[in-house]
C-alpha atoms as a PDB file:
ATOM      1  CA  MET A   1     112.204 116.383  90.885  1.00  0.00           C
ATOM      2  CA  SER A   2     108.697 117.083  92.136  1.00  0.00           C
ATOM      3  CA  GLN A   3     109.390 115.446  95.502  1.00  0.00           C
ATOM      4  CA  GLU A   4     112.564 117.479  95.931  1.00  0.00           C
ATOM      5  CA  ALA A   5     110.641 120.618  95.014  1.00  0.00           C
ATOM      6  CA  ARG A   6     108.377 119.890  97.976  1.00  0.00           C
ATOM      7  CA  GLY A   7     111.526 120.195 100.072  1.00  0.00           C
ATOM      8  CA  LEU A   8     111.877 123.717  98.709  1.00  0.00           C
ATOM      9  CA  ASP A   9     108.301 124.387  99.773  1.00  0.00           C
ATOM     10  CA  ALA A  10     108.579 123.013 103.293  1.00  0.00           C
ATOM     11  CA  GLY A  11     112.195 123.724 104.236  1.00  0.00           C
ATOM     12  CA  GLN A  12     111.950 127.310 105.410  1.00  0.00           C
ATOM     13  CA  ARG A  13     108.634 126.728 107.189  1.00  0.00           C
ATOM     14  CA  LEU A  14     110.131 123.793 109.077  1.00  0.00           C
ATOM     15  CA  VAL A  15     113.237 125.801 109.975  1.00  0.00           C
ATOM     16  CA  ALA A  16     111.045 128.587 111.360  1.00  0.00           C
ATOM     17  CA  ARG A  17     108.971 126.107 113.356  1.00  0.00           C
ATOM     18  CA  LEU A  18     112.071 124.459 114.834  1.00  0.00           C
ATOM     19  CA  MET A  19     113.584 127.829 115.713  1.00  0.00           C
ATOM     20  CA  GLY A  20     110.308 128.758 117.388  1.00  0.00           C
ATOM     21  CA  LEU A  21     110.655 125.640 119.510  1.00  0.00           C
ATOM     22  CA  GLY A  22     114.217 126.617 120.389  1.00  0.00           C
ATOM     23  CA  ASP A  23     115.816 123.749 118.465  1.00  0.00           C
ATOM     24  CA  ARG A  24     118.603 125.625 116.708  1.00  0.00           C
ATOM     25  CA  ARG A  25     120.685 122.523 115.994  1.00  0.00           C
ATOM     26  CA  THR A  26     117.952 120.687 114.091  1.00  0.00           C
ATOM     27  CA  ALA A  27     116.893 123.932 112.414  1.00  0.00           C
ATOM     28  CA  GLY A  28     120.456 124.329 111.113  1.00  0.00           C
ATOM     29  CA  ILE A  29     120.456 120.795 109.735  1.00  0.00           C
ATOM     30  CA  VAL A  30     117.094 121.292 108.029  1.00  0.00           C
ATOM     31  CA  ALA A  31     118.280 124.634 106.612  1.00  0.00           C
ATOM     32  CA  GLN A  32     121.299 122.875 105.065  1.00  0.00           C
ATOM     33  CA  ILE A  33     119.090 120.142 103.603  1.00  0.00           C
ATOM     34  CA  ALA A  34     116.750 122.776 102.151  1.00  0.00           C
ATOM     35  CA  LEU A  35     119.721 124.551 100.586  1.00  0.00           C
ATOM     36  CA  GLU A  36     120.961 121.306  99.027  1.00  0.00           C
ATOM     37  CA  GLU A  37     117.499 120.583  97.621  1.00  0.00           C
ATOM     38  CA  LYS A  38     117.911 123.618  95.369  1.00  0.00           C
ATOM     39  CA  ALA A  39     120.804 121.944  93.559  1.00  0.00           C
ATOM     40  CA  HIS A  40     118.886 118.667  93.270  1.00  0.00           C
ATOM     41  CA  VAL A  41     115.877 120.369  91.727  1.00  0.00           C
ATOM     42  CA  ALA A  42     117.987 122.545  89.422  1.00  0.00           C
ATOM     43  CA  ILE A  43     119.764 119.459  88.059  1.00  0.00           C
ATOM     44  CA  GLY A  44     116.442 117.662  87.628  1.00  0.00           C
ATOM     45  CA  VAL A  45     114.972 120.615  85.753  1.00  0.00           C
ATOM     46  CA  ALA A  46     118.004 120.818  83.461  1.00  0.00           C
ATOM     47  CA  TRP A  47     117.844 117.102  82.652  1.00  0.00           C
ATOM     48  CA  PHE A  48     114.103 117.173  82.170  1.00  0.00           C
ATOM     49  CA  LYS A  49     114.404 120.058  79.722  1.00  0.00           C
ATOM     50  CA  ARG A  50     117.076 118.152  77.769  1.00  0.00           C
ATOM     51  CA  VAL A  51     114.928 115.034  77.518  1.00  0.00           C
ATOM     52  CA  CYS A  52     111.886 117.041  76.466  1.00  0.00           C
ATOM     53  CA  GLU A  53     113.909 118.892  73.851  1.00  0.00           C
ATOM     54  CA  ALA A  54     115.158 115.555  72.481  1.00  0.00           C
ATOM     55  CA  GLN A  55     111.548 114.334  72.355  1.00  0.00           C
ATOM     56  CA  GLY A  56     110.311 117.521  70.733  1.00  0.00           C
ATOM     57  CA  VAL A  57     107.821 118.270  73.515  1.00  0.00           C
ATOM     58  CA  ALA A  58     107.361 121.350  75.648  1.00  0.00           C
ATOM     59  CA  ALA A  59     108.881 120.764  79.076  1.00  0.00           C
ATOM     60  CA  PRO A  60     106.196 122.593  81.109  1.00  0.00           C
ATOM     61  CA  GLY A  61     103.347 120.620  79.518  1.00  0.00           C
ATOM     62  CA  ALA A  62     105.171 117.312  79.848  1.00  0.00           C
ATOM     63  CA  PHE A  63     105.940 118.055  83.499  1.00  0.00           C
ATOM     64  CA  ARG A  64     102.299 118.902  84.153  1.00  0.00           C
ATOM     65  CA  SER A  65     101.233 115.615  82.559  1.00  0.00           C
ATOM     66  CA  LEU A  66     103.685 113.597  84.616  1.00  0.00           C
ATOM     67  CA  LEU A  67     102.877 115.458  87.811  1.00  0.00           C
ATOM     68  CA  ALA A  68      99.140 114.982  87.409  1.00  0.00           C
ATOM     69  CA  SER A  69      99.426 111.304  86.473  1.00  0.00           C
ATOM     70  CA  LEU A  70     102.192 110.163  88.835  1.00  0.00           C
ATOM     71  CA  SER A  71     101.938 112.474  91.851  1.00  0.00           C
ATOM     72  CA  PRO A  72      98.517 114.119  91.979  1.00  0.00           C
ATOM     73  CA  GLU A  73      98.982 114.815  95.686  1.00  0.00           C
ATOM     74  CA  LEU A  74     101.666 117.338  94.712  1.00  0.00           C
ATOM     75  CA  LEU A  75      99.158 119.534  92.890  1.00  0.00           C
ATOM     76  CA  LYS A  76      98.305 121.346  96.114  1.00  0.00           C
ATOM     77  CA  GLY A  77     100.365 123.985  97.874  1.00  0.00           C
ATOM     78  CA  PRO A  78     101.575 125.749  99.714  1.00  0.00           C
ATOM     79  CA  PHE A  79     104.385 126.406  97.263  1.00  0.00           C
ATOM     80  CA  ASN A  80     107.566 128.413  97.740  1.00  0.00           C
ATOM     81  CA  HIS A  81     107.307 130.129  94.370  1.00  0.00           C
ATOM     82  CA  ILE A  82     110.511 132.114  94.867  1.00  0.00           C
ATOM     83  CA  ALA A  83     112.678 129.064  95.647  1.00  0.00           C
ATOM     84  CA  ARG A  84     111.117 127.118  92.790  1.00  0.00           C
ATOM     85  CA  SER A  85     111.674 129.982  90.372  1.00  0.00           C
ATOM     86  CA  GLU A  86     115.334 130.236  91.402  1.00  0.00           C
ATOM     87  CA  VAL A  87     115.913 126.663  90.191  1.00  0.00           C
ATOM     88  CA  GLY A  88     114.022 127.015  86.918  1.00  0.00           C
ATOM     89  CA  LEU A  89     110.525 125.874  87.870  1.00  0.00           C
ATOM     90  CA  SER A  90     108.085 128.562  86.840  1.00  0.00           C
ATOM     91  CA  GLN A  91     104.566 128.450  88.240  1.00  0.00           C
ATOM     92  CA  ASP A  92     103.066 127.215  84.981  1.00  0.00           C
ATOM     93  CA  TRP A  93     104.928 123.927  85.545  1.00  0.00           C
ATOM     94  CA  TYR A  94     103.305 122.983  88.864  1.00  0.00           C
ATOM     95  CA  ASP A  95     100.613 125.418  90.057  1.00  0.00           C
ATOM     96  CA  VAL A  96      97.244 124.394  88.616  1.00  0.00           C
ATOM     97  CA  GLN A  97      96.041 127.984  88.939  1.00  0.00           C
ATOM     98  CA  CYS A  98      98.599 128.922  86.262  1.00  0.00           C
ATOM     99  CA  TRP A  99      97.904 126.024  83.890  1.00  0.00           C
ATOM    100  CA  PRO A 100      96.118 126.617  80.597  1.00  0.00           C
ATOM    101  CA  GLU A 101      92.378 126.244  81.212  1.00  0.00           C
ATOM    102  CA  GLY A 102      91.946 123.230  78.921  1.00  0.00           C
ATOM    103  CA  GLU A 103      94.764 121.340  80.614  1.00  0.00           C
ATOM    104  CA  ARG A 104      93.518 122.242  84.064  1.00  0.00           C
ATOM    105  CA  ALA A 105      90.097 120.784  83.336  1.00  0.00           C
ATOM    106  CA  ALA A 106      91.502 117.673  81.643  1.00  0.00           C
ATOM    107  CA  MET A 107      94.131 116.901  84.271  1.00  0.00           C
ATOM    108  CA  VAL A 108      93.031 118.050  87.676  1.00  0.00           C
ATOM    109  CA  ALA A 109      89.730 116.203  88.128  1.00  0.00           C
ATOM    110  CA  PRO A 110      91.098 112.780  87.090  1.00  0.00           C
ATOM    111  CA  ALA A 111      94.249 113.358  89.141  1.00  0.00           C
ATOM    112  CA  GLU A 112      92.257 114.293  92.229  1.00  0.00           C
ATOM    113  CA  ALA A 113      90.014 111.248  91.771  1.00  0.00           C
ATOM    114  CA  ALA A 114      93.072 108.994  91.453  1.00  0.00           C
ATOM    115  CA  ALA A 115      94.591 110.542  94.582  1.00  0.00           C
ATOM    116  CA  ALA A 116      91.346 110.000  96.491  1.00  0.00           C
ATOM    117  CA  LYS A 117      91.294 106.391  95.344  1.00  0.00           C
ATOM    118  CA  GLY A 118      94.888 105.981  96.512  1.00  0.00           C
ATOM    119  CA  ARG A 119      93.872 107.271  99.939  1.00  0.00           C
ATOM    120  CA  GLY A 120      90.995 104.791 100.035  1.00  0.00           C
ATOM    121  CA  GLU A 121      88.339 107.462  99.637  1.00  0.00           C
ATOM    122  CA  ASP A 122      85.251 106.676  97.557  1.00  0.00           C
ATOM    123  CA  PRO A 123      86.731 103.777  95.587  1.00  0.00           C
ATOM    124  CA  ALA A 124      83.775 103.554  93.184  1.00  0.00           C
ATOM    125  CA  ALA A 125      84.222 107.167  92.071  1.00  0.00           C
ATOM    126  CA  GLY A 126      87.981 106.722  91.962  1.00  0.00           C
ATOM    127  CA  ALA A 127      87.710 103.673  89.736  1.00  0.00           C
ATOM    128  CA  SER A 128      85.538 105.388  87.164  1.00  0.00           C
ATOM    129  CA  ALA A 129      87.709 108.485  87.173  1.00  0.00           C
ATOM    130  CA  GLY A 130      90.816 106.316  87.032  1.00  0.00           C
ATOM    131  CA  ALA A 131      89.587 104.730  83.821  1.00  0.00           C
ATOM    132  CA  VAL A 132      89.489 108.179  82.277  1.00  0.00           C
ATOM    133  CA  GLY A 133      92.625 109.356  84.049  1.00  0.00           C
ATOM    134  CA  ALA A 134      95.490 108.105  81.884  1.00  0.00           C
ATOM    135  CA  ALA A 135      94.048 109.470  78.658  1.00  0.00           C
ATOM    136  CA  ALA A 136      92.620 112.645  80.159  1.00  0.00           C
ATOM    137  CA  VAL A 137      95.764 113.502  82.065  1.00  0.00           C
ATOM    138  CA  THR A 138      97.769 113.717  78.882  1.00  0.00           C
ATOM    139  CA  ALA A 139      95.073 115.278  76.700  1.00  0.00           C
ATOM    140  CA  GLY A 140      96.450 118.011  74.525  1.00  0.00           C
ATOM    141  CA  VAL A 141      99.974 117.756  75.909  1.00  0.00           C
ATOM    142  CA  ILE A 142     101.574 114.414  75.106  1.00  0.00           C
ATOM    143  CA  ASP A 143      99.855 111.125  74.316  1.00  0.00           C
ATOM    144  CA  GLY A 144     100.232 107.973  76.408  1.00  0.00           C
ATOM    145  CA  ALA A 145     102.877 106.407  74.157  1.00  0.00           C
ATOM    146  CA  GLY A 146     104.825 109.663  74.110  1.00  0.00           C
ATOM    147  CA  LEU A 147     104.627 109.891  77.883  1.00  0.00           C
ATOM    148  CA  GLU A 148     106.009 106.363  78.227  1.00  0.00           C
ATOM    149  CA  GLU A 149     108.796 107.159  75.770  1.00  0.00           C
ATOM    150  CA  LEU A 150     109.611 110.322  77.725  1.00  0.00           C
ATOM    151  CA  ARG A 151     109.802 108.306  80.958  1.00  0.00           C
ATOM    152  CA  ARG A 152     111.989 105.669  79.285  1.00  0.00           C
ATOM    153  CA  ARG A 153     114.418 108.208  77.832  1.00  0.00           C
ATOM    154  CA  LEU A 154     114.662 110.127  81.081  1.00  0.00           C
ATOM    155  CA  ALA A 155     115.454 106.921  82.971  1.00  0.00           C
ATOM    156  CA  LEU A 156     118.050 105.939  80.364  1.00  0.00           C
ATOM    157  CA  MET A 157     119.735 109.348  80.493  1.00  0.00           C
ATOM    158  CA  LEU A 158     119.828 109.293  84.284  1.00  0.00           C
ATOM    159  CA  ASP A 159     121.236 105.745  84.324  1.00  0.00           C
ATOM    160  CA  THR A 160     123.901 106.752  81.800  1.00  0.00           C
ATOM    161  CA  GLU A 161     124.811 109.813  83.856  1.00  0.00           C
ATOM    162  CA  ALA A 162     124.998 107.757  87.063  1.00  0.00           C
ATOM    163  CA  ALA A 163     127.233 105.173  85.376  1.00  0.00           C
ATOM    164  CA  ALA A 164     129.539 107.901  84.054  1.00  0.00           C
ATOM    165  CA  ALA A 165     129.732 109.521  87.485  1.00  0.00           C
ATOM    166  CA  ALA A 166     130.682 106.182  89.051  1.00  0.00           C
ATOM    167  CA  LEU A 167     133.763 105.847  86.805  1.00  0.00           C
END
């Protein structure tokens, strides 16, 4: 869901750039892809909310935990807030500037250190921050076991839905 949301962020900018280069055909294709991403993200948001409700956790906090731990590179904009809002992603789900202060402090630094480590930057600092990362990322939102259970249930629900759709 977070990767598809990046499509919402980049789609219109890419269309404008392609149009500026005079490539109307490719711009039209990218515009269609960007439009289709809205449905993908909306479905992901709906499923995520269902899983969180079944787990008894708040969807925005769980999403923040997953985003910070699994895709820290997605914590930076630019964001298309309007497109994201249209599909059910409010800013408090993904924009660290809108996160509760305690969560921001607990999640962002370890996530940024893990991302730097993944890029091969300052591995010594990344390793020490990474040791703190898993626990700190979920502090105050959902514990590590709960996060794993949330991942497991989401995967199971998606597999079940895919199997039903294949029938």
